[in-house]
Amino acid sequence: MLLSPNGRKELERFGRQDPNNVPGQDYAYQAGCTANVVLITQTHVYCGNAGDARCVVSQAGTAVDLSIDHKPDLPSERARVL
């Protein structure tokens, strides 16, 4: 839908308002989404992420990764997508 004529018009409108927009590049390929969701129970910490989101927690002053990046150059991510 984003690449349809109406979708492109809407993306162009958003692109003009976005200070991070790269002029001359198609905004449809710059736009995206990212999210982290964390559920903490008495016994577990569950973390889900999408896009370029990374979640860490501090454990005794050391950063501990709770999520794995969704990057296409990671073999596991490339295999999942393909």
C-alpha atoms as a PDB file:
ATOM      1  CA  MET A   1       0.000   0.000   0.000  1.00  0.00           C
ATOM      2  CA  LEU A   2       2.863   2.396   0.760  1.00  0.00           C
ATOM      3  CA  LEU A   3       4.112   2.126  -2.817  1.00  0.00           C
ATOM      4  CA  SER A   4       0.696   2.837  -4.378  1.00  0.00           C
ATOM      5  CA  PRO A   5       0.179   6.338  -5.841  1.00  0.00           C
ATOM      6  CA  ASN A   6      -1.903   7.441  -2.821  1.00  0.00           C
ATOM      7  CA  GLY A   7       0.563   5.856  -0.402  1.00  0.00           C
ATOM      8  CA  ARG A   8       3.488   7.618  -2.058  1.00  0.00           C
ATOM      9  CA  LYS A   9       1.696  10.977  -1.763  1.00  0.00           C
ATOM     10  CA  GLU A  10       1.175  10.389   1.934  1.00  0.00           C
ATOM     11  CA  LEU A  11       4.788   9.327   2.424  1.00  0.00           C
ATOM     12  CA  GLU A  12       6.002  12.428   0.583  1.00  0.00           C
ATOM     13  CA  ARG A  13       3.958  14.540   2.986  1.00  0.00           C
ATOM     14  CA  PHE A  14       5.532  12.786   5.978  1.00  0.00           C
ATOM     15  CA  GLY A  15       8.977  13.056   4.403  1.00  0.00           C
ATOM     16  CA  ARG A  16       8.708  16.825   4.147  1.00  0.00           C
ATOM     17  CA  GLN A  17       8.023  16.945   7.907  1.00  0.00           C
ATOM     18  CA  ASP A  18      10.776  14.485   8.892  1.00  0.00           C
ATOM     19  CA  PRO A  19      14.059  16.214   9.869  1.00  0.00           C
ATOM     20  CA  ASN A  20      15.919  12.931   9.187  1.00  0.00           C
ATOM     21  CA  ASN A  21      14.628  12.660   5.617  1.00  0.00           C
ATOM     22  CA  VAL A  22      17.422  12.309   3.053  1.00  0.00           C
ATOM     23  CA  PRO A  23      16.551  14.595   0.131  1.00  0.00           C
ATOM     24  CA  GLY A  24      16.562  12.891  -3.248  1.00  0.00           C
ATOM     25  CA  GLN A  25      15.945   9.422  -1.821  1.00  0.00           C
ATOM     26  CA  ASP A  26      12.612   7.634  -1.940  1.00  0.00           C
ATOM     27  CA  TYR A  27      11.047   8.144   1.490  1.00  0.00           C
ATOM     28  CA  ALA A  28       9.299   4.755   1.243  1.00  0.00           C
ATOM     29  CA  TYR A  29      12.702   3.106   1.595  1.00  0.00           C
ATOM     30  CA  GLN A  30      13.770   5.326   4.488  1.00  0.00           C
ATOM     31  CA  ALA A  31      10.636   4.885   6.567  1.00  0.00           C
ATOM     32  CA  GLY A  32      10.046   2.001   8.927  1.00  0.00           C
ATOM     33  CA  CYS A  33       9.030   1.059  12.396  1.00  0.00           C
ATOM     34  CA  THR A  34      10.699  -0.149  15.534  1.00  0.00           C
ATOM     35  CA  ALA A  35       9.425  -1.418  18.857  1.00  0.00           C
ATOM     36  CA  ASN A  36      10.410  -3.100  22.103  1.00  0.00           C
ATOM     37  CA  VAL A  37       7.976  -4.801  24.426  1.00  0.00           C
ATOM     38  CA  VAL A  38       9.046  -6.140  27.813  1.00  0.00           C
ATOM     39  CA  LEU A  39       6.939  -8.182  30.209  1.00  0.00           C
ATOM     40  CA  ILE A  40       8.345  -8.604  33.706  1.00  0.00           C
ATOM     41  CA  THR A  41       6.881 -11.226  36.027  1.00  0.00           C
ATOM     42  CA  GLN A  42       8.037 -12.361  39.438  1.00  0.00           C
ATOM     43  CA  THR A  43      10.173 -15.086  37.852  1.00  0.00           C
ATOM     44  CA  HIS A  44      10.853 -14.096  34.220  1.00  0.00           C
ATOM     45  CA  VAL A  45      11.641 -11.203  31.896  1.00  0.00           C
ATOM     46  CA  TYR A  46      10.232 -11.569  28.372  1.00  0.00           C
ATOM     47  CA  CYS A  47      11.374  -9.257  25.605  1.00  0.00           C
ATOM     48  CA  GLY A  48      10.210  -8.896  22.024  1.00  0.00           C
ATOM     49  CA  ASN A  49      11.620  -6.503  19.462  1.00  0.00           C
ATOM     50  CA  ALA A  50      11.004  -5.496  15.873  1.00  0.00           C
ATOM     51  CA  GLY A  51      12.969  -3.347  13.478  1.00  0.00           C
ATOM     52  CA  ASP A  52      16.056  -1.463  14.599  1.00  0.00           C
ATOM     53  CA  ALA A  53      15.195  -1.746  18.272  1.00  0.00           C
ATOM     54  CA  ARG A  54      17.578  -3.041  20.886  1.00  0.00           C
ATOM     55  CA  CYS A  55      16.739  -3.765  24.497  1.00  0.00           C
ATOM     56  CA  VAL A  56      19.280  -4.064  27.307  1.00  0.00           C
ATOM     57  CA  VAL A  57      19.059  -4.278  31.068  1.00  0.00           C
ATOM     58  CA  SER A  58      21.679  -3.340  33.631  1.00  0.00           C
ATOM     59  CA  GLN A  59      22.792  -6.213  35.821  1.00  0.00           C
ATOM     60  CA  ALA A  60      25.269  -5.134  38.507  1.00  0.00           C
ATOM     61  CA  GLY A  61      26.332  -2.231  36.279  1.00  0.00           C
ATOM     62  CA  THR A  62      26.853  -4.388  33.175  1.00  0.00           C
ATOM     63  CA  ALA A  63      24.621  -4.163  30.100  1.00  0.00           C
ATOM     64  CA  VAL A  64      22.931  -7.470  29.287  1.00  0.00           C
ATOM     65  CA  ASP A  65      21.240  -7.865  25.897  1.00  0.00           C
ATOM     66  CA  LEU A  66      17.573  -8.815  26.104  1.00  0.00           C
ATOM     67  CA  SER A  67      17.020  -8.768  22.351  1.00  0.00           C
ATOM     68  CA  ILE A  68      18.816  -9.690  19.158  1.00  0.00           C
ATOM     69  CA  ASP A  69      18.997  -7.189  16.299  1.00  0.00           C
ATOM     70  CA  HIS A  70      16.915  -7.868  13.204  1.00  0.00           C
ATOM     71  CA  LYS A  71      19.702  -7.193  10.705  1.00  0.00           C
ATOM     72  CA  PRO A  72      19.741  -8.819   7.251  1.00  0.00           C
ATOM     73  CA  ASP A  73      23.485  -9.482   7.427  1.00  0.00           C
ATOM     74  CA  LEU A  74      23.035 -11.831  10.413  1.00  0.00           C
ATOM     75  CA  PRO A  75      22.914 -15.423   9.111  1.00  0.00           C
ATOM     76  CA  SER A  76      20.022 -16.369  11.409  1.00  0.00           C
ATOM     77  CA  GLU A  77      17.957 -13.339  10.352  1.00  0.00           C
ATOM     78  CA  ARG A  78      18.691 -13.851   6.665  1.00  0.00           C
ATOM     79  CA  ALA A  79      17.643 -17.513   6.954  1.00  0.00           C
ATOM     80  CA  ARG A  80      14.458 -16.544   8.788  1.00  0.00           C
ATOM     81  CA  VAL A  81      13.495 -14.014   6.098  1.00  0.00           C
ATOM     82  CA  LEU A  82      14.353 -16.302   3.175  1.00  0.00           C
END
